[in-house]
PDB file of N, CA and C in Angstrom:
ATOM      1  N   MET A   1       0.841  -1.183   0.000  1.00  0.00           N
ATOM      2  CA  MET A   1       0.000   0.000   0.000  1.00  0.00           C
ATOM      3  C   MET A   1       0.883   1.241   0.000  1.00  0.00           C
ATOM      4  N   THR A   2       0.649   2.117  -0.925  1.00  0.00           N
ATOM      5  CA  THR A   2       1.337   3.391  -0.962  1.00  0.00           C
ATOM      6  C   THR A   2       0.512   4.399  -0.174  1.00  0.00           C
ATOM      7  N   ALA A   3       1.185   5.284   0.524  1.00  0.00           N
ATOM      8  CA  ALA A   3       0.487   6.296   1.306  1.00  0.00           C
ATOM      9  C   ALA A   3      -0.327   7.204   0.385  1.00  0.00           C
ATOM     10  N   THR A   4      -1.497   7.599   0.866  1.00  0.00           N
ATOM     11  CA  THR A   4      -2.288   8.597   0.164  1.00  0.00           C
ATOM     12  C   THR A   4      -2.471   9.795   1.078  1.00  0.00           C
ATOM     13  N   VAL A   5      -2.442  10.959   0.470  1.00  0.00           N
ATOM     14  CA  VAL A   5      -2.599  12.210   1.206  1.00  0.00           C
ATOM     15  C   VAL A   5      -3.714  13.008   0.548  1.00  0.00           C
ATOM     16  N   HIS A   6      -4.725  13.343   1.319  1.00  0.00           N
ATOM     17  CA  HIS A   6      -5.788  14.225   0.855  1.00  0.00           C
ATOM     18  C   HIS A   6      -5.517  15.584   1.491  1.00  0.00           C
ATOM     19  N   PHE A   7      -5.183  16.568   0.665  1.00  0.00           N
ATOM     20  CA  PHE A   7      -4.745  17.880   1.134  1.00  0.00           C
ATOM     21  C   PHE A   7      -5.763  18.935   0.738  1.00  0.00           C
ATOM     22  N   THR A   8      -6.129  19.769   1.702  1.00  0.00           N
ATOM     23  CA  THR A   8      -7.022  20.891   1.451  1.00  0.00           C
ATOM     24  C   THR A   8      -6.461  22.115   2.170  1.00  0.00           C
ATOM     25  N   ALA A   9      -6.309  23.199   1.435  1.00  0.00           N
ATOM     26  CA  ALA A   9      -5.827  24.441   2.040  1.00  0.00           C
ATOM     27  C   ALA A   9      -7.005  25.378   2.253  1.00  0.00           C
ATOM     28  N   GLY A  10      -7.140  25.855   3.471  1.00  0.00           N
ATOM     29  CA  GLY A  10      -8.182  26.816   3.800  1.00  0.00           C
ATOM     30  C   GLY A  10      -7.555  28.148   4.159  1.00  0.00           C
ATOM     31  N   PRO A  11      -8.370  29.122   4.515  1.00  0.00           N
ATOM     32  CA  PRO A  11      -7.824  30.448   4.814  1.00  0.00           C
ATOM     33  C   PRO A  11      -7.013  30.513   6.106  1.00  0.00           C
ATOM     34  N   ALA A  12      -7.346  29.691   7.110  1.00  0.00           N
ATOM     35  CA  ALA A  12      -6.641  29.753   8.390  1.00  0.00           C
ATOM     36  C   ALA A  12      -5.586  28.654   8.538  1.00  0.00           C
ATOM     37  N   TYR A  13      -5.817  27.527   7.885  1.00  0.00           N
ATOM     38  CA  TYR A  13      -4.889  26.397   7.989  1.00  0.00           C
ATOM     39  C   TYR A  13      -5.191  25.402   6.877  1.00  0.00           C
ATOM     40  N   ALA A  14      -4.246  24.517   6.648  1.00  0.00           N
ATOM     41  CA  ALA A  14      -4.430  23.421   5.693  1.00  0.00           C
ATOM     42  C   ALA A  14      -4.657  22.138   6.470  1.00  0.00           C
ATOM     43  N   VAL A  15      -5.313  21.177   5.820  1.00  0.00           N
ATOM     44  CA  VAL A  15      -5.568  19.875   6.423  1.00  0.00           C
ATOM     45  C   VAL A  15      -5.041  18.804   5.487  1.00  0.00           C
ATOM     46  N   ALA A  16      -4.327  17.847   6.068  1.00  0.00           N
ATOM     47  CA  ALA A  16      -3.854  16.693   5.309  1.00  0.00           C
ATOM     48  C   ALA A  16      -4.312  15.437   6.027  1.00  0.00           C
ATOM     49  N   ALA A  17      -5.094  14.622   5.341  1.00  0.00           N
ATOM     50  CA  ALA A  17      -5.522  13.332   5.880  1.00  0.00           C
ATOM     51  C   ALA A  17      -4.655  12.264   5.239  1.00  0.00           C
ATOM     52  N   VAL A  18      -3.941  11.505   6.056  1.00  0.00           N
ATOM     53  CA  VAL A  18      -2.979  10.529   5.574  1.00  0.00           C
ATOM     54  C   VAL A  18      -3.499   9.116   5.822  1.00  0.00           C
ATOM     55  N   SER A  19      -3.463   8.302   4.768  1.00  0.00           N
ATOM     56  CA  SER A  19      -3.762   6.878   4.882  1.00  0.00           C
ATOM     57  C   SER A  19      -2.504   6.133   4.475  1.00  0.00           C
ATOM     58  N   SER A  20      -2.027   5.244   5.339  1.00  0.00           N
ATOM     59  CA  SER A  20      -0.754   4.585   5.066  1.00  0.00           C
ATOM     60  C   SER A  20      -0.555   3.419   6.009  1.00  0.00           C
ATOM     61  N   LEU A  21       0.398   2.585   5.666  1.00  0.00           N
ATOM     62  CA  LEU A  21       0.920   1.618   6.611  1.00  0.00           C
ATOM     63  C   LEU A  21       2.032   2.303   7.391  1.00  0.00           C
ATOM     64  N   ALA A  22       2.302   1.852   8.587  1.00  0.00           N
ATOM     65  CA  ALA A  22       3.308   2.477   9.451  1.00  0.00           C
ATOM     66  C   ALA A  22       4.713   2.023   9.059  1.00  0.00           C
ATOM     67  N   PHE A  23       5.203   2.561   7.956  1.00  0.00           N
ATOM     68  CA  PHE A  23       6.569   2.322   7.501  1.00  0.00           C
ATOM     69  C   PHE A  23       7.253   3.665   7.325  1.00  0.00           C
ATOM     70  N   ILE A  24       8.450   3.804   7.836  1.00  0.00           N
ATOM     71  CA  ILE A  24       9.179   5.076   7.767  1.00  0.00           C
ATOM     72  C   ILE A  24       9.351   5.535   6.320  1.00  0.00           C
ATOM     73  N   GLU A  25       9.520   4.587   5.399  1.00  0.00           N
ATOM     74  CA  GLU A  25       9.696   4.942   3.983  1.00  0.00           C
ATOM     75  C   GLU A  25       8.458   5.653   3.437  1.00  0.00           C
ATOM     76  N   GLU A  26       7.296   5.290   3.915  1.00  0.00           N
ATOM     77  CA  GLU A  26       6.059   5.946   3.483  1.00  0.00           C
ATOM     78  C   GLU A  26       6.001   7.382   4.011  1.00  0.00           C
ATOM     79  N   ILE A  27       6.475   7.574   5.227  1.00  0.00           N
ATOM     80  CA  ILE A  27       6.404   8.891   5.857  1.00  0.00           C
ATOM     81  C   ILE A  27       7.280   9.908   5.127  1.00  0.00           C
ATOM     82  N   VAL A  28       8.426   9.489   4.639  1.00  0.00           N
ATOM     83  CA  VAL A  28       9.300  10.409   3.903  1.00  0.00           C
ATOM     84  C   VAL A  28       8.562  10.969   2.690  1.00  0.00           C
ATOM     85  N   GLY A  29       7.878  10.112   1.942  1.00  0.00           N
ATOM     86  CA  GLY A  29       7.107  10.571   0.791  1.00  0.00           C
ATOM     87  C   GLY A  29       5.980  11.502   1.188  1.00  0.00           C
ATOM     88  N   VAL A  30       5.307  11.189   2.287  1.00  0.00           N
ATOM     89  CA  VAL A  30       4.224  12.039   2.781  1.00  0.00           C
ATOM     90  C   VAL A  30       4.762  13.414   3.149  1.00  0.00           C
ATOM     91  N   LEU A  31       5.866  13.464   3.864  1.00  0.00           N
ATOM     92  CA  LEU A  31       6.440  14.756   4.264  1.00  0.00           C
ATOM     93  C   LEU A  31       6.916  15.562   3.065  1.00  0.00           C
ATOM     94  N   ASP A  32       7.466  14.892   2.062  1.00  0.00           N
ATOM     95  CA  ASP A  32       7.839  15.580   0.817  1.00  0.00           C
ATOM     96  C   ASP A  32       6.623  16.248   0.194  1.00  0.00           C
ATOM     97  N   GLU A  33       5.536  15.495   0.110  1.00  0.00           N
ATOM     98  CA  GLU A  33       4.312  16.040  -0.486  1.00  0.00           C
ATOM     99  C   GLU A  33       3.747  17.190   0.341  1.00  0.00           C
ATOM    100  N   LEU A  34       3.734  17.048   1.661  1.00  0.00           N
ATOM    101  CA  LEU A  34       3.210  18.115   2.516  1.00  0.00           C
ATOM    102  C   LEU A  34       4.055  19.379   2.399  1.00  0.00           C
ATOM    103  N   SER A  35       5.354  19.221   2.298  1.00  0.00           N
ATOM    104  CA  SER A  35       6.230  20.374   2.116  1.00  0.00           C
ATOM    105  C   SER A  35       5.904  21.094   0.810  1.00  0.00           C
ATOM    106  N   ARG A  36       5.790  20.317  -0.246  1.00  0.00           N
ATOM    107  CA  ARG A  36       5.496  20.903  -1.565  1.00  0.00           C
ATOM    108  C   ARG A  36       4.129  21.585  -1.569  1.00  0.00           C
ATOM    109  N   ARG A  37       3.115  20.912  -1.037  1.00  0.00           N
ATOM    110  CA  ARG A  37       1.753  21.451  -1.083  1.00  0.00           C
ATOM    111  C   ARG A  37       1.593  22.690  -0.205  1.00  0.00           C
ATOM    112  N   THR A  38       2.204  22.700   0.974  1.00  0.00           N
ATOM    113  CA  THR A  38       2.073  23.889   1.827  1.00  0.00           C
ATOM    114  C   THR A  38       2.811  25.072   1.225  1.00  0.00           C
ATOM    115  N   ARG A  39       3.921  24.825   0.580  1.00  0.00           N
ATOM    116  CA  ARG A  39       4.646  25.922  -0.082  1.00  0.00           C
ATOM    117  C   ARG A  39       3.854  26.452  -1.280  1.00  0.00           C
ATOM    118  N   GLU A  40       3.269  25.552  -2.062  1.00  0.00           N
ATOM    119  CA  GLU A  40       2.478  25.964  -3.230  1.00  0.00           C
ATOM    120  C   GLU A  40       1.270  26.805  -2.836  1.00  0.00           C
ATOM    121  N   THR A  41       0.617  26.431  -1.749  1.00  0.00           N
ATOM    122  CA  THR A  41      -0.609  27.114  -1.339  1.00  0.00           C
ATOM    123  C   THR A  41      -0.347  28.288  -0.402  1.00  0.00           C
ATOM    124  N   GLY A  42       0.862  28.385   0.113  1.00  0.00           N
ATOM    125  CA  GLY A  42       1.174  29.449   1.064  1.00  0.00           C
ATOM    126  C   GLY A  42       0.644  29.184   2.461  1.00  0.00           C
ATOM    127  N   ALA A  43       0.244  27.953   2.735  1.00  0.00           N
ATOM    128  CA  ALA A  43      -0.269  27.611   4.067  1.00  0.00           C
ATOM    129  C   ALA A  43       0.818  27.845   5.111  1.00  0.00           C
ATOM    130  N   ARG A  44       0.427  28.380   6.251  1.00  0.00           N
ATOM    131  CA  ARG A  44       1.365  28.632   7.344  1.00  0.00           C
ATOM    132  C   ARG A  44       1.118  27.702   8.531  1.00  0.00           C
ATOM    133  N   ARG A  45      -0.075  27.101   8.578  1.00  0.00           N
ATOM    134  CA  ARG A  45      -0.439  26.168   9.652  1.00  0.00           C
ATOM    135  C   ARG A  45      -1.046  24.920   9.025  1.00  0.00           C
ATOM    136  N   LEU A  46      -0.795  23.776   9.663  1.00  0.00           N
ATOM    137  CA  LEU A  46      -1.195  22.507   9.069  1.00  0.00           C
ATOM    138  C   LEU A  46      -1.704  21.543  10.130  1.00  0.00           C
ATOM    139  N   LEU A  47      -2.840  20.927   9.843  1.00  0.00           N
ATOM    140  CA  LEU A  47      -3.366  19.828  10.646  1.00  0.00           C
ATOM    141  C   LEU A  47      -3.132  18.544   9.856  1.00  0.00           C
ATOM    142  N   VAL A  48      -2.430  17.588  10.467  1.00  0.00           N
ATOM    143  CA  VAL A  48      -2.159  16.305   9.821  1.00  0.00           C
ATOM    144  C   VAL A  48      -2.957  15.238  10.563  1.00  0.00           C
ATOM    145  N   ASN A  49      -3.960  14.687   9.887  1.00  0.00           N
ATOM    146  CA  ASN A  49      -4.806  13.651  10.458  1.00  0.00           C
ATOM    147  C   ASN A  49      -4.155  12.304  10.174  1.00  0.00           C
ATOM    148  N   LEU A  50      -3.656  11.660  11.220  1.00  0.00           N
ATOM    149  CA  LEU A  50      -2.972  10.372  11.099  1.00  0.00           C
ATOM    150  C   LEU A  50      -3.808   9.213  11.628  1.00  0.00           C
ATOM    151  N   LEU A  51      -5.112   9.414  11.756  1.00  0.00           N
ATOM    152  CA  LEU A  51      -5.980   8.380  12.307  1.00  0.00           C
ATOM    153  C   LEU A  51      -6.057   7.149  11.404  1.00  0.00           C
ATOM    154  N   ASP A  52      -5.772   7.307  10.110  1.00  0.00           N
ATOM    155  CA  ASP A  52      -5.837   6.177   9.180  1.00  0.00           C
ATOM    156  C   ASP A  52      -4.478   5.562   8.874  1.00  0.00           C
ATOM    157  N   VAL A  53      -3.499   5.773   9.737  1.00  0.00           N
ATOM    158  CA  VAL A  53      -2.209   5.094   9.595  1.00  0.00           C
ATOM    159  C   VAL A  53      -2.332   3.759  10.325  1.00  0.00           C
ATOM    160  N   VAL A  54      -2.085   2.688   9.593  1.00  0.00           N
ATOM    161  CA  VAL A  54      -2.258   1.339  10.130  1.00  0.00           C
ATOM    162  C   VAL A  54      -0.928   0.823  10.658  1.00  0.00           C
ATOM    163  N   GLY A  55      -0.937   0.379  11.918  1.00  0.00           N
ATOM    164  CA  GLY A  55       0.282  -0.126  12.544  1.00  0.00           C
ATOM    165  C   GLY A  55       0.865   0.911  13.477  1.00  0.00           C
ATOM    166  N   THR A  56       2.027   0.588  14.032  1.00  0.00           N
ATOM    167  CA  THR A  56       2.678   1.502  14.967  1.00  0.00           C
ATOM    168  C   THR A  56       4.155   1.653  14.608  1.00  0.00           C
ATOM    169  N   PHE A  57       4.703   2.764  15.023  1.00  0.00           N
ATOM    170  CA  PHE A  57       6.126   3.034  14.858  1.00  0.00           C
ATOM    171  C   PHE A  57       6.813   2.810  16.196  1.00  0.00           C
ATOM    172  N   GLY A  58       8.023   2.283  16.153  1.00  0.00           N
ATOM    173  CA  GLY A  58       8.824   2.149  17.360  1.00  0.00           C
ATOM    174  C   GLY A  58       9.339   3.499  17.816  1.00  0.00           C
ATOM    175  N   ARG A  59       9.883   3.537  19.009  1.00  0.00           N
ATOM    176  CA  ARG A  59      10.380   4.793  19.593  1.00  0.00           C
ATOM    177  C   ARG A  59      11.432   5.463  18.704  1.00  0.00           C
ATOM    178  N   ASP A  60      12.389   4.700  18.187  1.00  0.00           N
ATOM    179  CA  ASP A  60      13.424   5.274  17.322  1.00  0.00           C
ATOM    180  C   ASP A  60      12.823   5.828  16.034  1.00  0.00           C
ATOM    181  N   GLU A  61      11.843   5.116  15.487  1.00  0.00           N
ATOM    182  CA  GLU A  61      11.177   5.605  14.273  1.00  0.00           C
ATOM    183  C   GLU A  61      10.393   6.877  14.557  1.00  0.00           C
ATOM    184  N   GLN A  62       9.749   6.946  15.710  1.00  0.00           N
ATOM    185  CA  GLN A  62       8.999   8.152  16.075  1.00  0.00           C
ATOM    186  C   GLN A  62       9.931   9.347  16.218  1.00  0.00           C
ATOM    187  N   GLN A  63      11.096   9.116  16.801  1.00  0.00           N
ATOM    188  CA  GLN A  63      12.068  10.204  16.928  1.00  0.00           C
ATOM    189  C   GLN A  63      12.531  10.648  15.542  1.00  0.00           C
ATOM    190  N   ALA A  64      12.802   9.692  14.664  1.00  0.00           N
ATOM    191  CA  ALA A  64      13.216  10.018  13.295  1.00  0.00           C
ATOM    192  C   ALA A  64      12.124  10.798  12.569  1.00  0.00           C
ATOM    193  N   ILE A  65      10.871  10.439  12.799  1.00  0.00           N
ATOM    194  CA  ILE A  65       9.758  11.149  12.161  1.00  0.00           C
ATOM    195  C   ILE A  65       9.706  12.595  12.627  1.00  0.00           C
ATOM    196  N   GLY A  66       9.922  12.838  13.908  1.00  0.00           N
ATOM    197  CA  GLY A  66       9.946  14.208  14.416  1.00  0.00           C
ATOM    198  C   GLY A  66      11.052  15.033  13.767  1.00  0.00           C
ATOM    199  N   LEU A  67      12.221  14.431  13.607  1.00  0.00           N
ATOM    200  CA  LEU A  67      13.339  15.137  12.972  1.00  0.00           C
ATOM    201  C   LEU A  67      13.074  15.350  11.485  1.00  0.00           C
ATOM    202  N   LEU A  68      12.478  14.367  10.824  1.00  0.00           N
ATOM    203  CA  LEU A  68      12.107  14.519   9.416  1.00  0.00           C
ATOM    204  C   LEU A  68      11.033  15.596   9.247  1.00  0.00           C
ATOM    205  N   ALA A  69      10.078  15.644  10.174  1.00  0.00           N
ATOM    206  CA  ALA A  69       9.044  16.677  10.123  1.00  0.00           C
ATOM    207  C   ALA A  69       9.694  18.052  10.184  1.00  0.00           C
ATOM    208  N   HIS A  70      10.665  18.216  11.064  1.00  0.00           N
ATOM    209  CA  HIS A  70      11.374  19.491  11.144  1.00  0.00           C
ATOM    210  C   HIS A  70      12.067  19.810   9.830  1.00  0.00           C
ATOM    211  N   ARG A  71      12.723  18.835   9.265  1.00  0.00           N
ATOM    212  CA  ARG A  71      13.454  19.041   8.007  1.00  0.00           C
ATOM    213  C   ARG A  71      12.517  19.468   6.874  1.00  0.00           C
ATOM    214  N   HIS A  72      11.330  18.884   6.814  1.00  0.00           N
ATOM    215  CA  HIS A  72      10.418  19.135   5.698  1.00  0.00           C
ATOM    216  C   HIS A  72       9.407  20.252   5.955  1.00  0.00           C
ATOM    217  N   LEU A  73       9.076  20.507   7.210  1.00  0.00           N
ATOM    218  CA  LEU A  73       7.970  21.421   7.513  1.00  0.00           C
ATOM    219  C   LEU A  73       8.354  22.597   8.400  1.00  0.00           C
ATOM    220  N   ALA A  74       9.628  22.868   8.549  1.00  0.00           N
ATOM    221  CA  ALA A  74      10.070  23.963   9.419  1.00  0.00           C
ATOM    222  C   ALA A  74       9.604  25.332   8.919  1.00  0.00           C
ATOM    223  N   HIS A  75       9.189  25.423   7.670  1.00  0.00           N
ATOM    224  CA  HIS A  75       8.701  26.688   7.126  1.00  0.00           C
ATOM    225  C   HIS A  75       7.308  27.052   7.649  1.00  0.00           C
ATOM    226  N   LEU A  76       6.653  26.122   8.340  1.00  0.00           N
ATOM    227  CA  LEU A  76       5.311  26.373   8.857  1.00  0.00           C
ATOM    228  C   LEU A  76       5.362  26.964  10.263  1.00  0.00           C
ATOM    229  N   GLU A  77       4.362  27.788  10.585  1.00  0.00           N
ATOM    230  CA  GLU A  77       4.269  28.366  11.933  1.00  0.00           C
ATOM    231  C   GLU A  77       3.894  27.304  12.963  1.00  0.00           C
ATOM    232  N   ARG A  78       2.920  26.453  12.607  1.00  0.00           N
ATOM    233  CA  ARG A  78       2.432  25.432  13.523  1.00  0.00           C
ATOM    234  C   ARG A  78       1.997  24.199  12.745  1.00  0.00           C
ATOM    235  N   VAL A  79       2.257  23.046  13.348  1.00  0.00           N
ATOM    236  CA  VAL A  79       1.776  21.783  12.803  1.00  0.00           C
ATOM    237  C   VAL A  79       1.145  20.997  13.949  1.00  0.00           C
ATOM    238  N   ALA A  80      -0.107  20.613  13.762  1.00  0.00           N
ATOM    239  CA  ALA A  80      -0.806  19.781  14.736  1.00  0.00           C
ATOM    240  C   ALA A  80      -1.046  18.425  14.084  1.00  0.00           C
ATOM    241  N   SER A  81      -0.696  17.368  14.773  1.00  0.00           N
ATOM    242  CA  SER A  81      -1.015  16.045  14.245  1.00  0.00           C
ATOM    243  C   SER A  81      -2.032  15.380  15.156  1.00  0.00           C
ATOM    244  N   LEU A  82      -2.937  14.643  14.534  1.00  0.00           N
ATOM    245  CA  LEU A  82      -4.026  13.969  15.233  1.00  0.00           C
ATOM    246  C   LEU A  82      -3.787  12.474  15.151  1.00  0.00           C
ATOM    247  N   VAL A  83      -3.665  11.840  16.321  1.00  0.00           N
ATOM    248  CA  VAL A  83      -3.385  10.396  16.385  1.00  0.00           C
ATOM    249  C   VAL A  83      -4.399   9.720  17.312  1.00  0.00           C
ATOM    250  N   PRO A  84      -4.563   8.410  17.158  1.00  0.00           N
ATOM    251  CA  PRO A  84      -5.423   7.686  18.102  1.00  0.00           C
ATOM    252  C   PRO A  84      -4.820   7.716  19.511  1.00  0.00           C
ATOM    253  N   GLU A  85      -5.659   7.715  20.506  1.00  0.00           N
ATOM    254  CA  GLU A  85      -5.197   7.794  21.892  1.00  0.00           C
ATOM    255  C   GLU A  85      -4.188   6.697  22.244  1.00  0.00           C
ATOM    256  N   ASP A  86      -4.392   5.495  21.718  1.00  0.00           N
ATOM    257  CA  ASP A  86      -3.498   4.398  22.058  1.00  0.00           C
ATOM    258  C   ASP A  86      -2.131   4.496  21.385  1.00  0.00           C
ATOM    259  N   LYS A  87      -1.941   5.470  20.496  1.00  0.00           N
ATOM    260  CA  LYS A  87      -0.650   5.649  19.826  1.00  0.00           C
ATOM    261  C   LYS A  87       0.077   6.912  20.281  1.00  0.00           C
ATOM    262  N   LEU A  88      -0.484   7.629  21.240  1.00  0.00           N
ATOM    263  CA  LEU A  88       0.113   8.873  21.708  1.00  0.00           C
ATOM    264  C   LEU A  88       1.341   8.597  22.571  1.00  0.00           C
ATOM    265  N   THR A  89       2.509   9.058  22.130  1.00  0.00           N
ATOM    266  CA  THR A  89       3.740   8.925  22.913  1.00  0.00           C
ATOM    267  C   THR A  89       4.461  10.258  23.083  1.00  0.00           C
ATOM    268  N   ARG A  90       4.230  11.185  22.182  1.00  0.00           N
ATOM    269  CA  ARG A  90       4.871  12.508  22.140  1.00  0.00           C
ATOM    270  C   ARG A  90       6.364  12.458  21.803  1.00  0.00           C
ATOM    271  N   VAL A  91       6.873  11.305  21.359  1.00  0.00           N
ATOM    272  CA  VAL A  91       8.293  11.193  21.001  1.00  0.00           C
ATOM    273  C   VAL A  91       8.599  12.032  19.771  1.00  0.00           C
ATOM    274  N   SER A  92       7.769  11.945  18.730  1.00  0.00           N
ATOM    275  CA  SER A  92       8.007  12.746  17.524  1.00  0.00           C
ATOM    276  C   SER A  92       7.861  14.235  17.836  1.00  0.00           C
ATOM    277  N   GLU A  93       6.895  14.557  18.676  1.00  0.00           N
ATOM    278  CA  GLU A  93       6.697  15.955  19.088  1.00  0.00           C
ATOM    279  C   GLU A  93       7.948  16.488  19.775  1.00  0.00           C
ATOM    280  N   ALA A  94       8.486  15.741  20.715  1.00  0.00           N
ATOM    281  CA  ALA A  94       9.678  16.176  21.445  1.00  0.00           C
ATOM    282  C   ALA A  94      10.864  16.345  20.506  1.00  0.00           C
ATOM    283  N   ALA A  95      11.026  15.438  19.551  1.00  0.00           N
ATOM    284  CA  ALA A  95      12.144  15.529  18.616  1.00  0.00           C
ATOM    285  C   ALA A  95      12.019  16.781  17.748  1.00  0.00           C
ATOM    286  N   ALA A  96      10.823  17.045  17.225  1.00  0.00           N
ATOM    287  CA  ALA A  96      10.617  18.225  16.385  1.00  0.00           C
ATOM    288  C   ALA A  96      10.786  19.510  17.196  1.00  0.00           C
ATOM    289  N   ARG A  97      10.222  19.529  18.387  1.00  0.00           N
ATOM    290  CA  ARG A  97      10.304  20.735  19.223  1.00  0.00           C
ATOM    291  C   ARG A  97      11.743  21.000  19.680  1.00  0.00           C
ATOM    292  N   SER A  98      12.546  19.944  19.831  1.00  0.00           N
ATOM    293  CA  SER A  98      13.953  20.138  20.212  1.00  0.00           C
ATOM    294  C   SER A  98      14.728  20.885  19.125  1.00  0.00           C
ATOM    295  N   GLN A  99      14.189  20.860  17.916  1.00  0.00           N
ATOM    296  CA  GLN A  99      14.807  21.569  16.798  1.00  0.00           C
ATOM    297  C   GLN A  99      14.182  22.946  16.572  1.00  0.00           C
ATOM    298  N   GLY A 100      13.224  23.310  17.430  1.00  0.00           N
ATOM    299  CA  GLY A 100      12.585  24.619  17.338  1.00  0.00           C
ATOM    300  C   GLY A 100      11.288  24.642  16.552  1.00  0.00           C
ATOM    301  N   MET A 101      10.779  23.489  16.190  1.00  0.00           N
ATOM    302  CA  MET A 101       9.548  23.424  15.407  1.00  0.00           C
ATOM    303  C   MET A 101       8.329  23.419  16.323  1.00  0.00           C
ATOM    304  N   GLU A 102       7.307  24.158  15.932  1.00  0.00           N
ATOM    305  CA  GLU A 102       6.037  24.176  16.669  1.00  0.00           C
ATOM    306  C   GLU A 102       5.162  23.037  16.171  1.00  0.00           C
ATOM    307  N   LEU A 103       5.410  21.843  16.674  1.00  0.00           N
ATOM    308  CA  LEU A 103       4.620  20.659  16.350  1.00  0.00           C
ATOM    309  C   LEU A 103       4.061  20.098  17.640  1.00  0.00           C
ATOM    310  N   ARG A 104       2.758  19.834  17.621  1.00  0.00           N
ATOM    311  CA  ARG A 104       2.120  19.226  18.782  1.00  0.00           C
ATOM    312  C   ARG A 104       1.238  18.084  18.310  1.00  0.00           C
ATOM    313  N   VAL A 105       1.175  17.047  19.133  1.00  0.00           N
ATOM    314  CA  VAL A 105       0.383  15.862  18.824  1.00  0.00           C
ATOM    315  C   VAL A 105      -0.849  15.859  19.716  1.00  0.00           C
ATOM    316  N   PHE A 106      -2.003  15.582  19.106  1.00  0.00           N
ATOM    317  CA  PHE A 106      -3.277  15.600  19.817  1.00  0.00           C
ATOM    318  C   PHE A 106      -4.050  14.310  19.550  1.00  0.00           C
ATOM    319  N   THR A 107      -4.957  13.993  20.477  1.00  0.00           N
ATOM    320  CA  THR A 107      -5.882  12.879  20.271  1.00  0.00           C
ATOM    321  C   THR A 107      -7.310  13.390  20.088  1.00  0.00           C
ATOM    322  N   SER A 108      -7.495  14.684  20.211  1.00  0.00           N
ATOM    323  CA  SER A 108      -8.812  15.313  20.095  1.00  0.00           C
ATOM    324  C   SER A 108      -8.768  16.367  18.988  1.00  0.00           C
ATOM    325  N   LEU A 109      -9.667  16.247  18.012  1.00  0.00           N
ATOM    326  CA  LEU A 109      -9.728  17.232  16.931  1.00  0.00           C
ATOM    327  C   LEU A 109     -10.030  18.637  17.451  1.00  0.00           C
ATOM    328  N   PRO A 110     -11.016  18.817  18.340  1.00  0.00           N
ATOM    329  CA  PRO A 110     -11.261  20.178  18.848  1.00  0.00           C
ATOM    330  C   PRO A 110     -10.029  20.789  19.532  1.00  0.00           C
ATOM    331  N   ASP A 111      -9.298  19.989  20.303  1.00  0.00           N
ATOM    332  CA  ASP A 111      -8.088  20.501  20.960  1.00  0.00           C
ATOM    333  C   ASP A 111      -7.032  20.884  19.928  1.00  0.00           C
ATOM    334  N   ALA A 112      -6.856  20.055  18.922  1.00  0.00           N
ATOM    335  CA  ALA A 112      -5.870  20.336  17.868  1.00  0.00           C
ATOM    336  C   ALA A 112      -6.223  21.622  17.136  1.00  0.00           C
ATOM    337  N   LEU A 113      -7.490  21.782  16.791  1.00  0.00           N
ATOM    338  CA  LEU A 113      -7.914  22.992  16.072  1.00  0.00           C
ATOM    339  C   LEU A 113      -7.807  24.231  16.944  1.00  0.00           C
ATOM    340  N   ALA A 114      -8.130  24.111  18.233  1.00  0.00           N
ATOM    341  CA  ALA A 114      -8.020  25.257  19.143  1.00  0.00           C
ATOM    342  C   ALA A 114      -6.580  25.738  19.211  1.00  0.00           C
ATOM    343  N   TRP A 115      -5.629  24.818  19.346  1.00  0.00           N
ATOM    344  CA  TRP A 115      -4.221  25.198  19.401  1.00  0.00           C
ATOM    345  C   TRP A 115      -3.748  25.742  18.052  1.00  0.00           C
ATOM    346  N   LEU A 116      -4.150  25.072  16.988  1.00  0.00           N
ATOM    347  CA  LEU A 116      -3.683  25.452  15.647  1.00  0.00           C
ATOM    348  C   LEU A 116      -4.149  26.865  15.286  1.00  0.00           C
ATOM    349  N   THR A 117      -5.334  27.236  15.694  1.00  0.00           N
ATOM    350  CA  THR A 117      -5.900  28.535  15.300  1.00  0.00           C
ATOM    351  C   THR A 117      -5.692  29.629  16.345  1.00  0.00           C
ATOM    352  N   SER A 118      -5.126  29.289  17.492  1.00  0.00           N
ATOM    353  CA  SER A 118      -4.923  30.315  18.527  1.00  0.00           C
ATOM    354  C   SER A 118      -3.794  31.256  18.121  1.00  0.00           C
ATOM    355  N   SER A 119      -3.833  32.437  18.681  1.00  0.00           N
ATOM    356  CA  SER A 119      -2.813  33.438  18.370  1.00  0.00           C
ATOM    357  C   SER A 119      -1.647  33.394  19.355  1.00  0.00           C
ATOM    358  N   THR A 120      -1.763  32.573  20.392  1.00  0.00           N
ATOM    359  CA  THR A 120      -0.671  32.499  21.369  1.00  0.00           C
ATOM    360  C   THR A 120       0.103  31.204  21.242  1.00  0.00           C
TER     361      THR A 120
END
């Protein structure tokens, strides 16, 4: 299965819904596409819905994903990712934030949107 990304840019933020198997190789392609699409549309904030990612990433892979997110999406003001509650570890968040990226992981869509659209 190749990852699919459904991307929509709105006036306040863009949304990307990702469907994929949990393989690091798939994530690199997804991040490449998100980088290209946010630059093309001028999006400054991004919500990444990861609820349809099948499987789990190990701790080292999660850390690598956070660093890759920084490499590909550092041009954005904020990135919120939405994950299932049973997959929340904050490892990728910590890795991205250690590089200065405003990335936060959420299990609640309303919470993710509140943070993504806030001015603080």
